[in-house]
Protein backbone atom coordinates (compact mmCIF):
# COMPACT_ATOMS: atom_id res chain seq x y z
CA MET A 1 -43.55 23.36 60.84
CA ASN A 2 -44.40 25.24 64.15
CA ASP A 3 -43.85 28.61 62.62
CA CYS A 4 -46.95 28.15 60.46
CA ILE A 5 -50.61 28.16 61.11
CA VAL A 6 -53.12 27.00 58.88
CA VAL A 7 -56.54 28.99 59.25
CA ILE A 8 -59.81 27.10 57.40
CA ALA A 9 -63.31 28.46 57.42
CA THR A 10 -65.65 25.30 57.32
CA TYR A 11 -69.44 25.08 56.38
CA ASN A 12 -70.82 21.42 56.20
CA GLU A 13 -67.48 19.92 55.27
CA ALA A 14 -68.05 16.49 57.11
CA ARG A 15 -67.02 14.72 54.09
CA THR A 16 -63.84 16.15 53.41
CA ILE A 17 -62.60 17.66 56.64
CA TRP A 18 -60.79 14.32 57.82
CA LYS A 19 -59.01 14.07 54.52
CA LEU A 20 -58.00 17.59 54.52
CA TRP A 21 -56.56 17.19 58.17
CA GLU A 22 -54.52 14.13 57.32
CA GLY A 23 -52.70 16.55 54.78
CA LEU A 24 -52.15 19.22 57.51
CA GLN A 25 -50.79 17.29 60.42
CA GLN A 26 -47.43 18.98 60.86
CA TYR A 27 -49.00 22.29 61.16
CA ALA A 28 -51.21 24.08 63.76
CA VAL A 29 -54.75 24.55 62.44
CA VAL A 30 -57.23 27.18 63.11
CA ILE A 31 -60.70 25.95 62.10
CA VAL A 32 -63.73 28.51 62.30
CA ASP A 33 -66.86 26.38 61.77
CA ASP A 34 -70.37 27.60 61.01
CA SER A 35 -71.50 24.01 59.90
CA THR A 36 -74.99 22.50 60.53
CA ASP A 37 -73.24 19.02 60.15
CA SER A 38 -70.85 16.85 62.26
CA THR A 39 -67.94 18.79 60.92
CA ALA A 40 -66.93 20.30 64.10
CA LEU A 41 -67.66 17.01 66.06
CA ILE A 42 -65.18 15.30 63.51
CA ALA A 43 -62.49 17.91 63.94
CA GLN A 44 -62.58 17.54 67.90
CA SER A 45 -60.43 14.33 67.62
CA PHE A 46 -57.83 16.14 65.45
CA VAL A 47 -54.65 17.03 67.25
CA ASN A 48 -52.83 20.46 67.18
CA THR A 49 -56.10 21.78 66.30
CA THR A 50 -58.25 24.97 67.70
CA ILE A 51 -61.71 25.06 66.77
CA ILE A 52 -63.98 28.03 66.96
CA LYS A 53 -67.63 26.78 66.42
CA ARG A 54 -69.94 29.72 65.79
CA GLY A 55 -73.20 27.99 65.40
CA VAL A 56 -74.56 29.95 62.61
CA LYS A 57 -73.64 30.93 59.19
CA MET A 58 -72.17 34.35 59.30
CA GLY A 59 -70.07 34.49 56.25
CA VAL A 60 -66.85 33.66 54.77
CA ALA A 61 -65.28 36.89 55.42
CA SER A 62 -65.99 37.16 59.32
CA ALA A 63 -64.97 33.53 59.42
CA TYR A 64 -61.35 34.12 58.04
CA MET A 65 -61.04 37.40 60.26
CA ARG A 66 -61.93 35.53 63.47
CA GLY A 67 -59.43 32.36 62.40
CA PHE A 68 -56.58 35.05 61.37
CA ARG A 69 -57.03 37.07 64.64
CA ARG A 70 -56.82 33.86 66.53
CA ALA A 71 -53.83 32.60 64.75
CA LEU A 72 -51.96 35.90 65.57
CA GLU A 73 -52.45 35.60 69.23
CA ALA A 74 -49.30 34.99 71.21
CA PRO A 75 -47.27 32.90 70.54
CA VAL A 76 -47.39 34.59 66.91
CA PRO A 77 -46.49 32.54 64.16
CA ARG A 78 -44.03 33.28 61.16
CA TYR A 79 -46.60 32.60 58.64
CA VAL A 80 -50.33 32.03 58.30
CA VAL A 81 -51.86 29.83 55.48
CA GLN A 82 -55.48 30.25 54.44
CA MET A 83 -57.18 27.66 52.43
CA ASP A 84 -60.68 26.26 51.57
CA ALA A 85 -62.04 23.00 53.23
CA GLY A 86 -63.47 21.28 50.41
CA MET A 87 -60.16 19.84 49.05
CA THR A 88 -60.19 22.23 46.09
CA HIS A 89 -56.86 23.25 47.53
CA ASP A 90 -54.23 20.62 47.93
CA PRO A 91 -52.72 20.22 51.31
CA ALA A 92 -49.55 19.29 49.67
CA ASP A 93 -49.07 22.48 48.14
CA VAL A 94 -48.66 24.34 51.60
CA PRO A 95 -44.96 23.58 51.70
CA ARG A 96 -44.47 24.97 48.30
CA LEU A 97 -46.15 28.24 49.60
CA LEU A 98 -43.67 28.27 52.26
CA GLU A 99 -40.85 27.77 50.32
CA SER A 100 -41.83 30.51 48.04
CA MET A 101 -42.04 32.85 51.01
CA GLU A 102 -38.08 32.58 51.39
CA ALA A 103 -37.19 32.71 47.77
CA VAL A 104 -35.36 35.95 47.00
CA GLN A 105 -37.04 38.10 44.42
CA GLY A 106 -35.11 39.39 41.39
CA GLY A 107 -31.63 38.44 43.15
CA ARG A 108 -32.04 41.60 45.49
CA ALA A 109 -31.29 40.70 49.21
CA GLY A 110 -34.36 41.39 51.48
CA SER A 111 -37.06 41.15 48.70
CA CYS A 112 -38.61 38.07 49.98
CA PRO A 113 -42.27 38.04 49.42
CA ASP A 114 -44.82 39.01 52.23
CA LEU A 115 -47.61 37.21 50.54
CA VAL A 116 -47.72 34.51 48.31
CA ILE A 117 -51.02 33.56 46.37
CA GLY A 118 -51.71 30.18 45.21
CA SER A 119 -52.68 30.82 41.70
CA ARG A 120 -55.08 29.00 39.50
CA PHE A 121 -54.33 31.05 36.34
CA VAL A 122 -50.45 31.49 36.24
CA ARG A 123 -50.77 28.49 33.86
CA PRO A 124 -53.70 28.19 31.47
CA PRO A 125 -56.70 27.30 33.63
CA HIS A 126 -59.34 24.47 33.15
CA LEU A 127 -62.61 25.91 31.72
CA LEU A 128 -64.50 25.85 35.19
CA GLY A 129 -67.76 27.97 34.14
CA TYR A 130 -69.22 31.24 35.86
CA ARG A 131 -66.56 31.29 38.69
CA THR A 132 -63.70 31.22 36.27
CA VAL A 133 -65.09 34.07 34.11
CA LEU A 134 -65.72 36.19 37.59
CA SER A 135 -62.11 35.26 38.73
CA VAL A 136 -60.68 36.35 35.47
CA ALA A 137 -62.75 39.71 35.35
CA ALA A 138 -61.70 40.22 39.15
CA ALA A 139 -58.20 39.98 38.33
CA TRP A 140 -58.44 42.30 35.41
CA GLY A 141 -60.11 44.85 37.77
CA MET A 142 -57.16 44.47 40.36
CA ARG A 143 -54.67 45.16 37.33
CA GLY A 144 -56.71 48.27 36.81
CA LEU A 145 -55.98 49.42 40.27
CA GLY A 146 -52.22 48.97 39.78
CA ILE A 147 -52.36 45.21 41.34
CA PRO A 148 -50.84 43.10 38.51
CA VAL A 149 -52.06 39.47 39.62
CA GLN A 150 -53.51 36.78 37.83
CA ASP A 151 -55.61 35.38 40.60
CA ALA A 152 -57.19 37.93 42.66
CA THR A 153 -59.82 35.79 44.37
CA SER A 154 -57.65 32.93 45.21
CA GLY A 155 -58.29 31.82 48.74
CA PHE A 156 -55.18 29.70 48.98
CA ARG A 157 -52.78 32.20 50.28
CA CYS A 158 -49.75 32.26 52.64
CA TRP A 159 -49.08 35.50 54.60
CA ARG A 160 -46.23 36.82 56.34
CA ALA A 161 -47.61 37.29 59.97
CA SER A 162 -46.35 40.69 60.44
CA LEU A 163 -48.07 41.85 57.21
CA LEU A 164 -51.24 40.00 57.91
CA GLY A 165 -51.01 41.75 61.43
CA LYS A 166 -50.85 45.23 59.79
CA VAL A 167 -53.57 44.42 57.43
CA LEU A 168 -55.99 43.55 60.30
CA GLN A 169 -54.92 46.43 62.49
CA ASP A 170 -58.47 48.45 63.06
CA TRP A 171 -59.93 47.10 59.75
CA ASN A 172 -62.63 44.70 58.63
CA PRO A 173 -63.56 43.85 55.04
CA LYS A 174 -66.83 45.50 54.06
CA ALA A 175 -67.72 42.10 51.72
CA THR A 176 -69.35 39.04 53.51
CA GLY A 177 -68.32 36.74 50.75
CA PHE A 178 -65.63 36.04 48.49
CA ALA A 179 -65.12 39.62 47.48
CA PHE A 180 -63.13 40.26 50.85
CA GLN A 181 -60.08 38.76 49.10
CA LEU A 182 -59.92 41.81 46.68
CA GLU A 183 -60.20 44.25 49.69
CA MET A 184 -57.28 42.30 51.81
CA LEU A 185 -55.06 42.17 48.68
CA TYR A 186 -55.65 45.61 47.86
CA ARG A 187 -54.81 46.61 51.66
CA ALA A 188 -51.85 44.12 51.60
CA TRP A 189 -50.41 45.35 48.22
CA ASP A 190 -50.45 48.87 49.75
CA LEU A 191 -48.85 47.93 53.09
CA CYS A 192 -46.11 45.74 51.97
CA GLY A 193 -45.03 47.64 48.93
CA GLY A 194 -46.00 45.22 46.30
CA ARG A 195 -43.98 42.33 47.90
CA VAL A 196 -46.52 39.91 46.57
CA VAL A 197 -45.73 36.69 44.26
CA GLU A 198 -48.19 34.25 42.84
CA MET A 199 -47.46 30.42 42.78
CA PRO A 200 -49.03 28.12 40.23
CA ILE A 201 -51.24 25.24 42.28
CA ALA A 202 -53.60 22.63 41.04
CA TYR A 203 -57.14 23.44 41.57
CA GLN A 204 -59.83 20.81 42.13
CA LEU A 205 -63.43 22.19 41.43
CA THR A 206 -65.46 20.16 43.78
CA ASN A 207 -68.52 21.82 45.63
CA SER A 208 -68.15 25.65 44.62
CA SER A 209 -71.45 27.53 43.35
CA PHE A 210 -72.26 30.42 41.70
CA ARG A 211 -74.58 33.29 42.64
CA TRP A 212 -75.05 36.48 41.02
CA GLY A 213 -75.08 38.10 44.50
CA MET A 214 -71.40 37.64 44.08
CA VAL A 215 -71.14 39.75 40.91
CA ALA A 216 -72.94 42.66 42.95
CA GLU A 217 -70.78 42.23 46.02
CA ALA A 218 -67.73 42.55 43.62
CA LEU A 219 -68.64 45.63 42.09
CA GLN A 220 -69.32 47.16 45.35
CA VAL A 221 -66.11 46.26 46.60
CA TYR A 222 -64.47 47.56 43.31
CA ALA A 223 -66.44 51.07 43.73
CA GLY A 224 -65.06 51.46 47.16
CA LEU A 225 -61.37 50.81 46.09
CA TRP A 226 -61.61 52.96 43.15
CA MET A 227 -62.32 55.52 45.86
CA GLY A 228 -59.64 54.39 48.15
CA GLY A 229 -62.07 53.15 50.65
CA CYS A 230 -59.84 50.12 51.66
CA ARG A 231 -57.03 51.72 53.18
């Protein structure tokens, strides 16, 4: 599909990057790579793929910001999909995300969403340990801010490019890690008038890790959001 670009941030994904790309061959792909392994070297053989090699680990937030801005360069696509590289997200779900972007909500003309979140928690989740607890807590926090989503930290999202451009205009997240997803969701919800929906996905936990620094960063982000510091 020529009107969709998939953005992926990679760090030492040499074992999975080929399998991931095999499921994305019908899309243009932007890879922002901070790896110390052969991920970028492998990806050089992929067609219809742009590789941005940064050479040093600079954080997932800045990687996605770089990839998003590259995806929005002319010619601007209609949609931008973000997803993880470690096969936690199934490439077969990308068409479903795109279909959800065109699904009219509530039977009202012109009410298609501007953001579709691939949610791990729309259906009862498997127990995934600390990361599940943290993600569920993050969703509760967002609902406290008036954003009623089940999976606020999902990294599998489909953006209408027009909304993504507005979100990125004169803005960068304060978080360097996963909490940037919260900042982007908060800003997007404000800019699109709540035209955000969730689509259930099958989530495969493979190489995820937990660090207490994630909690500290999330708390800092929430403090800023409560004070309206993300708009």
